[in-house]
Amino acid sequence: MSDATELAERAGGADPREGLRAVAALRRLLEQLEAVQVRSARQQGWSWQEVAAELGVSRQAVHKKYGRR
């Protein structure tokens, strides 16, 4: 978790180049974490609607993003 905390601190820093790089790294990390949790939910029998509700998106959006994985 310290890597994510460090990235968050850098993202809020005064140097735009460093901040933007940190934001991009956080975005990649977030995408990976989301995929892990979606996969876990589906393996536990969650419906696409349940996953979508927790992510605050439509069922179609989550299915389109993760349905073929």
C-alpha atoms as a PDB file:
ATOM      1  CA  MET A   1       0.000   0.000   0.000  1.00  0.00           C
ATOM      2  CA  SER A   2       2.894   2.372   0.532  1.00  0.00           C
ATOM      3  CA  ASP A   3       3.470   2.544  -3.242  1.00  0.00           C
ATOM      4  CA  ALA A   4      -0.112   3.694  -3.773  1.00  0.00           C
ATOM      5  CA  THR A   5       0.217   6.208  -0.942  1.00  0.00           C
ATOM      6  CA  GLU A   6       3.431   7.544  -2.437  1.00  0.00           C
ATOM      7  CA  LEU A   7       1.788   7.844  -5.855  1.00  0.00           C
ATOM      8  CA  ALA A   8      -1.166   9.694  -4.328  1.00  0.00           C
ATOM      9  CA  GLU A   9       1.187  12.130  -2.632  1.00  0.00           C
ATOM     10  CA  ARG A  10       3.098  12.714  -5.864  1.00  0.00           C
ATOM     11  CA  ALA A  11      -0.181  13.180  -7.753  1.00  0.00           C
ATOM     12  CA  GLY A  12      -1.018  16.092  -5.460  1.00  0.00           C
ATOM     13  CA  GLY A  13       2.408  17.698  -5.697  1.00  0.00           C
ATOM     14  CA  ALA A  14       3.414  20.988  -7.259  1.00  0.00           C
ATOM     15  CA  ASP A  15       5.304  19.519 -10.245  1.00  0.00           C
ATOM     16  CA  PRO A  16       2.750  18.877 -13.026  1.00  0.00           C
ATOM     17  CA  ARG A  17       4.985  16.392 -14.869  1.00  0.00           C
ATOM     18  CA  GLU A  18       5.488  14.268 -11.771  1.00  0.00           C
ATOM     19  CA  GLY A  19       1.849  14.677 -10.778  1.00  0.00           C
ATOM     20  CA  LEU A  20       0.523  13.581 -14.151  1.00  0.00           C
ATOM     21  CA  ARG A  21       2.822  10.568 -14.228  1.00  0.00           C
ATOM     22  CA  ALA A  22       1.592   9.596 -10.784  1.00  0.00           C
ATOM     23  CA  VAL A  23      -2.035   9.993 -11.883  1.00  0.00           C
ATOM     24  CA  ALA A  24      -1.389   7.716 -14.865  1.00  0.00           C
ATOM     25  CA  ALA A  25       0.234   5.105 -12.616  1.00  0.00           C
ATOM     26  CA  LEU A  26      -2.682   5.280 -10.178  1.00  0.00           C
ATOM     27  CA  ARG A  27      -5.115   4.841 -13.070  1.00  0.00           C
ATOM     28  CA  ARG A  28      -3.304   1.665 -14.173  1.00  0.00           C
ATOM     29  CA  LEU A  29      -3.304   0.348 -10.617  1.00  0.00           C
ATOM     30  CA  LEU A  30      -7.004   1.096 -10.215  1.00  0.00           C
ATOM     31  CA  GLU A  31      -7.850  -0.725 -13.455  1.00  0.00           C
ATOM     32  CA  GLN A  32      -5.930  -3.786 -12.261  1.00  0.00           C
ATOM     33  CA  LEU A  33      -7.635  -3.752  -8.865  1.00  0.00           C
ATOM     34  CA  GLU A  34     -11.064  -3.365 -10.444  1.00  0.00           C
ATOM     35  CA  ALA A  35     -10.444  -6.321 -12.760  1.00  0.00           C
ATOM     36  CA  VAL A  36      -9.364  -8.499  -9.825  1.00  0.00           C
ATOM     37  CA  GLN A  37     -12.482  -7.619  -7.847  1.00  0.00           C
ATOM     38  CA  VAL A  38     -14.853  -8.083 -10.791  1.00  0.00           C
ATOM     39  CA  ARG A  39     -13.330 -11.497 -11.472  1.00  0.00           C
ATOM     40  CA  SER A  40     -13.675 -12.414  -7.793  1.00  0.00           C
ATOM     41  CA  ALA A  41     -17.300 -11.296  -7.673  1.00  0.00           C
ATOM     42  CA  ARG A  42     -18.177 -13.255 -10.798  1.00  0.00           C
ATOM     43  CA  GLN A  43     -16.435 -16.379  -9.473  1.00  0.00           C
ATOM     44  CA  GLN A  44     -18.554 -16.040  -6.332  1.00  0.00           C
ATOM     45  CA  GLY A  45     -21.713 -15.991  -8.410  1.00  0.00           C
ATOM     46  CA  TRP A  46     -22.485 -12.285  -8.555  1.00  0.00           C
ATOM     47  CA  SER A  47     -24.585 -11.126 -11.484  1.00  0.00           C
ATOM     48  CA  TRP A  48     -23.394  -8.437 -13.850  1.00  0.00           C
ATOM     49  CA  GLN A  49     -26.107  -6.206 -12.374  1.00  0.00           C
ATOM     50  CA  GLU A  50     -24.728  -6.636  -8.837  1.00  0.00           C
ATOM     51  CA  VAL A  51     -21.182  -5.861  -9.975  1.00  0.00           C
ATOM     52  CA  ALA A  52     -22.376  -2.833 -11.934  1.00  0.00           C
ATOM     53  CA  ALA A  53     -24.350  -1.488  -8.976  1.00  0.00           C
ATOM     54  CA  GLU A  54     -21.287  -1.576  -6.734  1.00  0.00           C
ATOM     55  CA  LEU A  55     -19.164   0.157  -9.375  1.00  0.00           C
ATOM     56  CA  GLY A  56     -21.831   2.765 -10.085  1.00  0.00           C
ATOM     57  CA  VAL A  57     -22.086   1.915 -13.782  1.00  0.00           C
ATOM     58  CA  SER A  58     -24.607   0.181 -16.011  1.00  0.00           C
ATOM     59  CA  ARG A  59     -24.768  -3.590 -16.361  1.00  0.00           C
ATOM     60  CA  GLN A  60     -24.015  -3.183 -20.044  1.00  0.00           C
ATOM     61  CA  ALA A  61     -20.889  -1.127 -19.348  1.00  0.00           C
ATOM     62  CA  VAL A  62     -19.399  -3.620 -16.917  1.00  0.00           C
ATOM     63  CA  HIS A  63     -20.280  -6.573 -19.120  1.00  0.00           C
ATOM     64  CA  LYS A  64     -18.746  -4.907 -22.159  1.00  0.00           C
ATOM     65  CA  LYS A  65     -15.547  -4.181 -20.248  1.00  0.00           C
ATOM     66  CA  TYR A  66     -15.158  -7.549 -18.495  1.00  0.00           C
ATOM     67  CA  GLY A  67     -17.524  -9.994 -20.163  1.00  0.00           C
ATOM     68  CA  ARG A  68     -15.022 -11.490 -22.573  1.00  0.00           C
ATOM     69  CA  ARG A  69     -12.136 -11.906 -20.132  1.00  0.00           C
END
